[in-house]
Amino acid sequence: GQFASLEPRRPPDISWQCVRRVGAGSRQRPPSAARHPRSSSAAVALPLFLQAAILLRRPAVSAAGKPLYTGSKDVAEATPETFQRLVQDDRRAMVVVYYADWCGHCIHYAPVFKKIAGMMSSDPRIGFAALNCAQFPEFCVGVEVNSYPTIRGYHFPGLKSADTKRGGELPRSEVRSETSFPVWLAKQSLPELQPVAPPAGDTTASPKTPATGVGPATALAMRAAAVAGAEV
């Protein structure tokens, strides 16, 4: 199975993704409401201006539950306020998962994404982040996230839109697998980071060394994939 998306150019593929619900991050009406049509018909019978007044006076209810990546040491839980710093301003290649905490596919994928991030943690050229679209629906609509989970890449050389706020689409066939995705990442020509000078006046710190080659965790992932029969 693969993804389901609202994007018209992509065929429906509902076995691995949740489609963004109408109203951005809002939850669907519970099934019990559909069993009592009288309440909904009564609402329809009201004049439109009264319905609008009721909706405007109704307090906003957050659809967000518990973030799936809070507390992860390898995946940064981003917000609209921290996105610029954690993702766009980071010099590393960044992999970002946009998810909704109510989405069953996102819940099942979270341990996989965390494991992939852990496997790549020794490679200083790449980082991982997550953003909860149920909590920040307007932000996700602004970056054209229509289904969950959506995995985007930032600062990947040659990846279309990778240097924009929207990010670039990563291959769906790779991102779902804790075996093949690290192998795919290891094949990319990630930019080597230049040494970072210590703060002015700091005589104790030494410049950080640039990233070279592939980290040991990445090499381990490649060997594991080779044993599993993946093409390296």
C-alpha atoms as a PDB file:
ATOM      1  CA  GLY A   1       0.000   0.000   0.000  1.00  0.00           C
ATOM      2  CA  GLN A   2       0.995   3.597  -0.486  1.00  0.00           C
ATOM      3  CA  PHE A   3      -0.440   7.074   0.007  1.00  0.00           C
ATOM      4  CA  ALA A   4      -3.812   8.741  -0.374  1.00  0.00           C
ATOM      5  CA  SER A   5      -3.786  12.366  -1.445  1.00  0.00           C
ATOM      6  CA  LEU A   6      -6.133  15.186  -2.395  1.00  0.00           C
ATOM      7  CA  GLU A   7      -3.772  16.214  -5.165  1.00  0.00           C
ATOM      8  CA  PRO A   8      -5.617  15.544  -8.461  1.00  0.00           C
ATOM      9  CA  ARG A   9      -2.528  14.421 -10.360  1.00  0.00           C
ATOM     10  CA  ARG A  10      -1.924  11.515  -7.998  1.00  0.00           C
ATOM     11  CA  PRO A  11      -4.130   8.409  -7.955  1.00  0.00           C
ATOM     12  CA  PRO A  12      -5.953   7.557  -4.731  1.00  0.00           C
ATOM     13  CA  ASP A  13      -3.811   5.425  -2.464  1.00  0.00           C
ATOM     14  CA  ILE A  14      -5.489   5.172   0.915  1.00  0.00           C
ATOM     15  CA  SER A  15      -3.644   2.303   2.580  1.00  0.00           C
ATOM     16  CA  TRP A  16      -0.776   4.351   4.024  1.00  0.00           C
ATOM     17  CA  GLN A  17      -1.971   7.950   4.405  1.00  0.00           C
ATOM     18  CA  CYS A  18      -4.818   9.870   6.009  1.00  0.00           C
ATOM     19  CA  VAL A  19      -6.428  12.548   3.847  1.00  0.00           C
ATOM     20  CA  ARG A  20      -6.598  16.067   5.300  1.00  0.00           C
ATOM     21  CA  ARG A  21     -10.074  16.613   6.649  1.00  0.00           C
ATOM     22  CA  VAL A  22     -12.334  19.468   5.582  1.00  0.00           C
ATOM     23  CA  GLY A  23     -11.633  22.441   7.797  1.00  0.00           C
ATOM     24  CA  ALA A  24      -7.891  21.783   7.877  1.00  0.00           C
ATOM     25  CA  GLY A  25      -7.173  20.262  11.285  1.00  0.00           C
ATOM     26  CA  SER A  26     -10.758  19.728  12.421  1.00  0.00           C
ATOM     27  CA  ARG A  27     -12.006  16.314  13.394  1.00  0.00           C
ATOM     28  CA  GLN A  28     -14.770  14.510  11.513  1.00  0.00           C
ATOM     29  CA  ARG A  29     -18.208  14.254  13.066  1.00  0.00           C
ATOM     30  CA  PRO A  30     -18.459  11.066  15.172  1.00  0.00           C
ATOM     31  CA  PRO A  31     -20.485   8.255  13.583  1.00  0.00           C
ATOM     32  CA  SER A  32     -23.199   8.619  16.244  1.00  0.00           C
ATOM     33  CA  ALA A  33     -24.132  12.020  14.812  1.00  0.00           C
ATOM     34  CA  ALA A  34     -24.911  10.462  11.457  1.00  0.00           C
ATOM     35  CA  ARG A  35     -27.414   8.109  13.091  1.00  0.00           C
ATOM     36  CA  HIS A  36     -29.614  11.009  14.265  1.00  0.00           C
ATOM     37  CA  PRO A  37     -30.619  12.966  11.152  1.00  0.00           C
ATOM     38  CA  ARG A  38     -33.315  14.903  13.034  1.00  0.00           C
ATOM     39  CA  SER A  39     -30.764  17.127  14.773  1.00  0.00           C
ATOM     40  CA  SER A  40     -29.046  18.002  11.517  1.00  0.00           C
ATOM     41  CA  SER A  41     -32.324  18.591   9.663  1.00  0.00           C
ATOM     42  CA  ALA A  42     -33.422  20.980  12.390  1.00  0.00           C
ATOM     43  CA  ALA A  43     -30.261  22.962  11.910  1.00  0.00           C
ATOM     44  CA  VAL A  44     -30.855  23.132   8.176  1.00  0.00           C
ATOM     45  CA  ALA A  45     -34.351  24.492   8.781  1.00  0.00           C
ATOM     46  CA  LEU A  46     -32.920  27.537  10.553  1.00  0.00           C
ATOM     47  CA  PRO A  47     -32.441  30.680   8.486  1.00  0.00           C
ATOM     48  CA  LEU A  48     -28.937  31.006   7.143  1.00  0.00           C
ATOM     49  CA  PHE A  49     -28.206  34.163   9.113  1.00  0.00           C
ATOM     50  CA  LEU A  50     -29.093  32.364  12.369  1.00  0.00           C
ATOM     51  CA  GLN A  51     -26.855  29.429  11.471  1.00  0.00           C
ATOM     52  CA  ALA A  52     -23.996  31.837  10.768  1.00  0.00           C
ATOM     53  CA  ALA A  53     -24.549  33.610  14.098  1.00  0.00           C
ATOM     54  CA  ILE A  54     -24.480  30.306  15.981  1.00  0.00           C
ATOM     55  CA  LEU A  55     -21.259  29.256  14.283  1.00  0.00           C
ATOM     56  CA  LEU A  56     -19.591  32.584  15.008  1.00  0.00           C
ATOM     57  CA  ARG A  57     -20.529  32.414  18.696  1.00  0.00           C
ATOM     58  CA  ARG A  58     -19.420  28.784  19.093  1.00  0.00           C
ATOM     59  CA  PRO A  59     -16.037  28.560  20.850  1.00  0.00           C
ATOM     60  CA  ALA A  60     -13.204  27.085  18.840  1.00  0.00           C
ATOM     61  CA  VAL A  61     -12.324  23.520  19.834  1.00  0.00           C
ATOM     62  CA  SER A  62      -8.793  22.289  19.223  1.00  0.00           C
ATOM     63  CA  ALA A  63      -8.579  19.042  17.282  1.00  0.00           C
ATOM     64  CA  ALA A  64      -5.014  18.418  18.383  1.00  0.00           C
ATOM     65  CA  GLY A  65      -4.115  15.661  20.766  1.00  0.00           C
ATOM     66  CA  LYS A  66      -0.711  14.659  22.049  1.00  0.00           C
ATOM     67  CA  PRO A  67       2.240  15.337  19.691  1.00  0.00           C
ATOM     68  CA  LEU A  68       3.845  12.107  18.516  1.00  0.00           C
ATOM     69  CA  TYR A  69       7.499  13.185  18.668  1.00  0.00           C
ATOM     70  CA  THR A  70       7.748  15.156  21.907  1.00  0.00           C
ATOM     71  CA  GLY A  71      10.678  13.835  23.904  1.00  0.00           C
ATOM     72  CA  SER A  72      12.460  12.246  20.950  1.00  0.00           C
ATOM     73  CA  LYS A  73      16.205  12.896  21.054  1.00  0.00           C
ATOM     74  CA  ASP A  74      16.590  12.437  17.290  1.00  0.00           C
ATOM     75  CA  VAL A  75      13.452  14.169  15.935  1.00  0.00           C
ATOM     76  CA  ALA A  76      12.764  17.832  16.739  1.00  0.00           C
ATOM     77  CA  GLU A  77       9.070  18.663  17.265  1.00  0.00           C
ATOM     78  CA  ALA A  78       8.642  21.916  15.328  1.00  0.00           C
ATOM     79  CA  THR A  79       5.997  24.642  15.550  1.00  0.00           C
ATOM     80  CA  PRO A  80       5.271  27.531  13.169  1.00  0.00           C
ATOM     81  CA  GLU A  81       7.354  29.723  15.486  1.00  0.00           C
ATOM     82  CA  THR A  82      10.393  27.397  15.514  1.00  0.00           C
ATOM     83  CA  PHE A  83      10.167  26.093  11.936  1.00  0.00           C
ATOM     84  CA  GLN A  84      12.443  28.784  10.515  1.00  0.00           C
ATOM     85  CA  ARG A  85      15.156  28.071  13.063  1.00  0.00           C
ATOM     86  CA  LEU A  86      14.865  24.289  13.182  1.00  0.00           C
ATOM     87  CA  VAL A  87      14.436  23.629   9.471  1.00  0.00           C
ATOM     88  CA  GLN A  88      14.960  26.521   7.073  1.00  0.00           C
ATOM     89  CA  ASP A  89      17.974  28.046   8.804  1.00  0.00           C
ATOM     90  CA  ASP A  90      19.633  24.689   9.512  1.00  0.00           C
ATOM     91  CA  ARG A  91      22.608  24.051   7.253  1.00  0.00           C
ATOM     92  CA  ARG A  92      22.023  20.311   7.248  1.00  0.00           C
ATOM     93  CA  ALA A  93      19.778  18.389   4.878  1.00  0.00           C
ATOM     94  CA  MET A  94      16.513  18.111   6.813  1.00  0.00           C
ATOM     95  CA  VAL A  95      13.800  15.458   6.644  1.00  0.00           C
ATOM     96  CA  VAL A  96      10.455  16.703   7.980  1.00  0.00           C
ATOM     97  CA  VAL A  97       7.362  14.594   8.611  1.00  0.00           C
ATOM     98  CA  TYR A  98       4.053  16.477   8.576  1.00  0.00           C
ATOM     99  CA  TYR A  99       1.508  14.455  10.522  1.00  0.00           C
ATOM    100  CA  ALA A 100      -1.801  14.618  12.387  1.00  0.00           C
ATOM    101  CA  ASP A 101      -1.940  13.061  15.826  1.00  0.00           C
ATOM    102  CA  TRP A 102      -5.409  11.598  15.110  1.00  0.00           C
ATOM    103  CA  CYS A 103      -4.193   9.786  11.975  1.00  0.00           C
ATOM    104  CA  GLY A 104      -3.724   6.059  12.503  1.00  0.00           C
ATOM    105  CA  HIS A 105      -1.115   5.835   9.741  1.00  0.00           C
ATOM    106  CA  CYS A 106       0.879   8.622  11.404  1.00  0.00           C
ATOM    107  CA  ILE A 107       0.724   6.864  14.769  1.00  0.00           C
ATOM    108  CA  HIS A 108       1.992   3.622  13.249  1.00  0.00           C
ATOM    109  CA  TYR A 109       4.705   5.413  11.251  1.00  0.00           C
ATOM    110  CA  ALA A 110       6.071   7.444  14.170  1.00  0.00           C
ATOM    111  CA  PRO A 111       8.214   4.603  15.626  1.00  0.00           C
ATOM    112  CA  VAL A 112       9.616   3.912  12.151  1.00  0.00           C
ATOM    113  CA  PHE A 113      10.534   7.567  11.604  1.00  0.00           C
ATOM    114  CA  LYS A 114      12.151   7.757  15.034  1.00  0.00           C
ATOM    115  CA  LYS A 115      14.164   4.621  14.314  1.00  0.00           C
ATOM    116  CA  ILE A 116      15.340   6.001  10.958  1.00  0.00           C
ATOM    117  CA  ALA A 117      16.387   9.246  12.653  1.00  0.00           C
ATOM    118  CA  GLY A 118      18.260   7.262  15.285  1.00  0.00           C
ATOM    119  CA  MET A 119      20.066   5.213  12.647  1.00  0.00           C
ATOM    120  CA  MET A 120      21.208   8.413  10.929  1.00  0.00           C
ATOM    121  CA  SER A 121      22.025  10.333  14.109  1.00  0.00           C
ATOM    122  CA  SER A 122      25.794   9.903  13.749  1.00  0.00           C
ATOM    123  CA  ASP A 123      25.799  11.620  10.336  1.00  0.00           C
ATOM    124  CA  PRO A 124      26.055  15.360  11.089  1.00  0.00           C
ATOM    125  CA  ARG A 125      24.979  16.283   7.555  1.00  0.00           C
ATOM    126  CA  ILE A 126      21.322  15.395   8.109  1.00  0.00           C
ATOM    127  CA  GLY A 127      18.612  16.140  10.666  1.00  0.00           C
ATOM    128  CA  PHE A 128      14.989  15.184  11.321  1.00  0.00           C
ATOM    129  CA  ALA A 129      11.964  17.189  12.424  1.00  0.00           C
ATOM    130  CA  ALA A 130       8.191  16.778  12.744  1.00  0.00           C
ATOM    131  CA  LEU A 131       5.205  19.131  12.750  1.00  0.00           C
ATOM    132  CA  ASN A 132       1.702  18.299  14.017  1.00  0.00           C
ATOM    133  CA  CYS A 133      -0.808  19.520  11.437  1.00  0.00           C
ATOM    134  CA  ALA A 134      -3.733  18.806  13.763  1.00  0.00           C
ATOM    135  CA  GLN A 135      -2.302  21.472  16.065  1.00  0.00           C
ATOM    136  CA  PHE A 136      -1.189  23.865  13.328  1.00  0.00           C
ATOM    137  CA  PRO A 137      -3.577  23.322  10.384  1.00  0.00           C
ATOM    138  CA  GLU A 138      -3.131  26.775   8.846  1.00  0.00           C
ATOM    139  CA  PHE A 139       0.626  26.337   8.609  1.00  0.00           C
ATOM    140  CA  CYS A 140       0.242  22.956   6.908  1.00  0.00           C
ATOM    141  CA  VAL A 141      -2.288  24.292   4.431  1.00  0.00           C
ATOM    142  CA  GLY A 142       0.187  27.076   3.649  1.00  0.00           C
ATOM    143  CA  VAL A 143       2.891  24.555   2.703  1.00  0.00           C
ATOM    144  CA  GLU A 144       0.417  22.439   0.696  1.00  0.00           C
ATOM    145  CA  VAL A 145       0.223  19.410   2.947  1.00  0.00           C
ATOM    146  CA  ASN A 146      -2.939  17.566   1.915  1.00  0.00           C
ATOM    147  CA  SER A 147      -2.428  14.132   3.473  1.00  0.00           C
ATOM    148  CA  TYR A 148      -0.666  12.603   6.441  1.00  0.00           C
ATOM    149  CA  PRO A 149       2.022  11.604   6.937  1.00  0.00           C
ATOM    150  CA  THR A 150       3.763  13.739   4.313  1.00  0.00           C
ATOM    151  CA  ILE A 151       7.561  13.563   4.315  1.00  0.00           C
ATOM    152  CA  ARG A 152       9.473  16.471   2.773  1.00  0.00           C
ATOM    153  CA  GLY A 153      13.162  17.164   2.251  1.00  0.00           C
ATOM    154  CA  TYR A 154      14.968  20.479   2.756  1.00  0.00           C
ATOM    155  CA  HIS A 155      18.426  21.493   1.539  1.00  0.00           C
ATOM    156  CA  PHE A 156      18.847  18.342  -0.551  1.00  0.00           C
ATOM    157  CA  PRO A 157      20.978  19.188  -3.627  1.00  0.00           C
ATOM    158  CA  GLY A 158      19.007  18.641  -6.817  1.00  0.00           C
ATOM    159  CA  LEU A 159      15.663  18.080  -5.080  1.00  0.00           C
ATOM    160  CA  LYS A 160      12.958  20.343  -6.498  1.00  0.00           C
ATOM    161  CA  SER A 161      11.649  22.945  -3.999  1.00  0.00           C
ATOM    162  CA  ALA A 162      14.095  21.705  -1.339  1.00  0.00           C
ATOM    163  CA  ASP A 163      15.202  25.281  -0.620  1.00  0.00           C
ATOM    164  CA  THR A 164      11.677  26.654  -0.219  1.00  0.00           C
ATOM    165  CA  LYS A 165       9.406  26.736   2.818  1.00  0.00           C
ATOM    166  CA  ARG A 166       7.288  24.030   1.209  1.00  0.00           C
ATOM    167  CA  GLY A 167      10.163  21.599   0.833  1.00  0.00           C
ATOM    168  CA  GLY A 168      10.686  18.911  -1.775  1.00  0.00           C
ATOM    169  CA  GLU A 169       8.868  15.616  -2.165  1.00  0.00           C
ATOM    170  CA  LEU A 170      10.934  12.618  -1.101  1.00  0.00           C
ATOM    171  CA  PRO A 171      10.363   9.274  -2.847  1.00  0.00           C
ATOM    172  CA  ARG A 172       7.368   7.581  -1.275  1.00  0.00           C
ATOM    173  CA  SER A 173       8.694   4.122  -1.970  1.00  0.00           C
ATOM    174  CA  GLU A 174      11.716   4.861   0.243  1.00  0.00           C
ATOM    175  CA  VAL A 175      10.471   6.942   3.151  1.00  0.00           C
ATOM    176  CA  ARG A 176       8.234   4.226   4.589  1.00  0.00           C
ATOM    177  CA  SER A 177      10.998   1.703   5.172  1.00  0.00           C
ATOM    178  CA  GLU A 178      13.465   1.762   8.043  1.00  0.00           C
ATOM    179  CA  THR A 179      15.718  -0.373   5.841  1.00  0.00           C
ATOM    180  CA  SER A 180      15.655   1.340   2.453  1.00  0.00           C
ATOM    181  CA  PHE A 181      15.288   4.990   3.524  1.00  0.00           C
ATOM    182  CA  PRO A 182      18.670   5.185   5.340  1.00  0.00           C
ATOM    183  CA  VAL A 183      20.254   3.560   2.289  1.00  0.00           C
ATOM    184  CA  TRP A 184      18.627   6.128   0.005  1.00  0.00           C
ATOM    185  CA  LEU A 185      19.791   8.970   2.257  1.00  0.00           C
ATOM    186  CA  ALA A 186      23.346   7.615   2.275  1.00  0.00           C
ATOM    187  CA  LYS A 187      23.407   7.716  -1.538  1.00  0.00           C
ATOM    188  CA  GLN A 188      22.544  11.419  -1.699  1.00  0.00           C
ATOM    189  CA  SER A 189      25.235  14.016  -2.346  1.00  0.00           C
ATOM    190  CA  LEU A 190      24.670  15.868   0.884  1.00  0.00           C
ATOM    191  CA  PRO A 191      26.619  19.104   1.304  1.00  0.00           C
ATOM    192  CA  GLU A 192      29.734  18.869   3.437  1.00  0.00           C
ATOM    193  CA  LEU A 193      29.480  21.242   6.380  1.00  0.00           C
ATOM    194  CA  GLN A 194      32.260  23.743   6.831  1.00  0.00           C
ATOM    195  CA  PRO A 195      33.980  24.049  10.233  1.00  0.00           C
ATOM    196  CA  VAL A 196      32.115  26.316  12.618  1.00  0.00           C
ATOM    197  CA  ALA A 197      34.277  28.897  14.365  1.00  0.00           C
ATOM    198  CA  PRO A 198      33.847  29.198  18.166  1.00  0.00           C
ATOM    199  CA  PRO A 199      32.126  32.321  19.526  1.00  0.00           C
ATOM    200  CA  ALA A 200      34.249  35.461  19.655  1.00  0.00           C
ATOM    201  CA  GLY A 201      36.304  35.617  22.837  1.00  0.00           C
ATOM    202  CA  ASP A 202      35.951  31.884  23.551  1.00  0.00           C
ATOM    203  CA  THR A 203      39.490  30.552  23.854  1.00  0.00           C
ATOM    204  CA  THR A 204      38.508  27.119  25.161  1.00  0.00           C
ATOM    205  CA  ALA A 205      36.343  25.858  22.323  1.00  0.00           C
ATOM    206  CA  SER A 206      37.915  24.476  19.162  1.00  0.00           C
ATOM    207  CA  PRO A 207      36.285  24.738  15.735  1.00  0.00           C
ATOM    208  CA  LYS A 208      33.925  21.903  14.926  1.00  0.00           C
ATOM    209  CA  THR A 209      35.252  19.611  12.252  1.00  0.00           C
ATOM    210  CA  PRO A 210      33.322  19.321   8.974  1.00  0.00           C
ATOM    211  CA  ALA A 211      31.354  16.202   8.185  1.00  0.00           C
ATOM    212  CA  THR A 212      33.258  13.767   6.000  1.00  0.00           C
ATOM    213  CA  GLY A 213      32.101  10.551   4.429  1.00  0.00           C
ATOM    214  CA  VAL A 214      29.292   8.472   5.846  1.00  0.00           C
ATOM    215  CA  GLY A 215      28.690   8.076   9.557  1.00  0.00           C
ATOM    216  CA  PRO A 216      28.962   4.673  11.224  1.00  0.00           C
ATOM    217  CA  ALA A 217      25.214   4.410  11.784  1.00  0.00           C
ATOM    218  CA  THR A 218      24.637   5.025   8.075  1.00  0.00           C
ATOM    219  CA  ALA A 219      27.215   2.400   7.160  1.00  0.00           C
ATOM    220  CA  LEU A 220      25.515  -0.011   9.548  1.00  0.00           C
ATOM    221  CA  ALA A 221      22.168   0.707   7.930  1.00  0.00           C
ATOM    222  CA  MET A 222      23.643   0.063   4.494  1.00  0.00           C
ATOM    223  CA  ARG A 223      25.066  -3.266   5.597  1.00  0.00           C
ATOM    224  CA  ALA A 224      21.764  -4.254   7.167  1.00  0.00           C
ATOM    225  CA  ALA A 225      19.958  -3.354   3.963  1.00  0.00           C
ATOM    226  CA  ALA A 226      22.416  -5.380   1.927  1.00  0.00           C
ATOM    227  CA  VAL A 227      21.814  -8.392   4.158  1.00  0.00           C
ATOM    228  CA  ALA A 228      18.070  -7.893   3.731  1.00  0.00           C
ATOM    229  CA  GLY A 229      18.515  -7.946  -0.029  1.00  0.00           C
ATOM    230  CA  ALA A 230      18.154  -4.222  -0.725  1.00  0.00           C
ATOM    231  CA  GLU A 231      20.168  -2.764  -3.548  1.00  0.00           C
ATOM    232  CA  VAL A 232      22.944  -0.504  -2.210  1.00  0.00           C
END
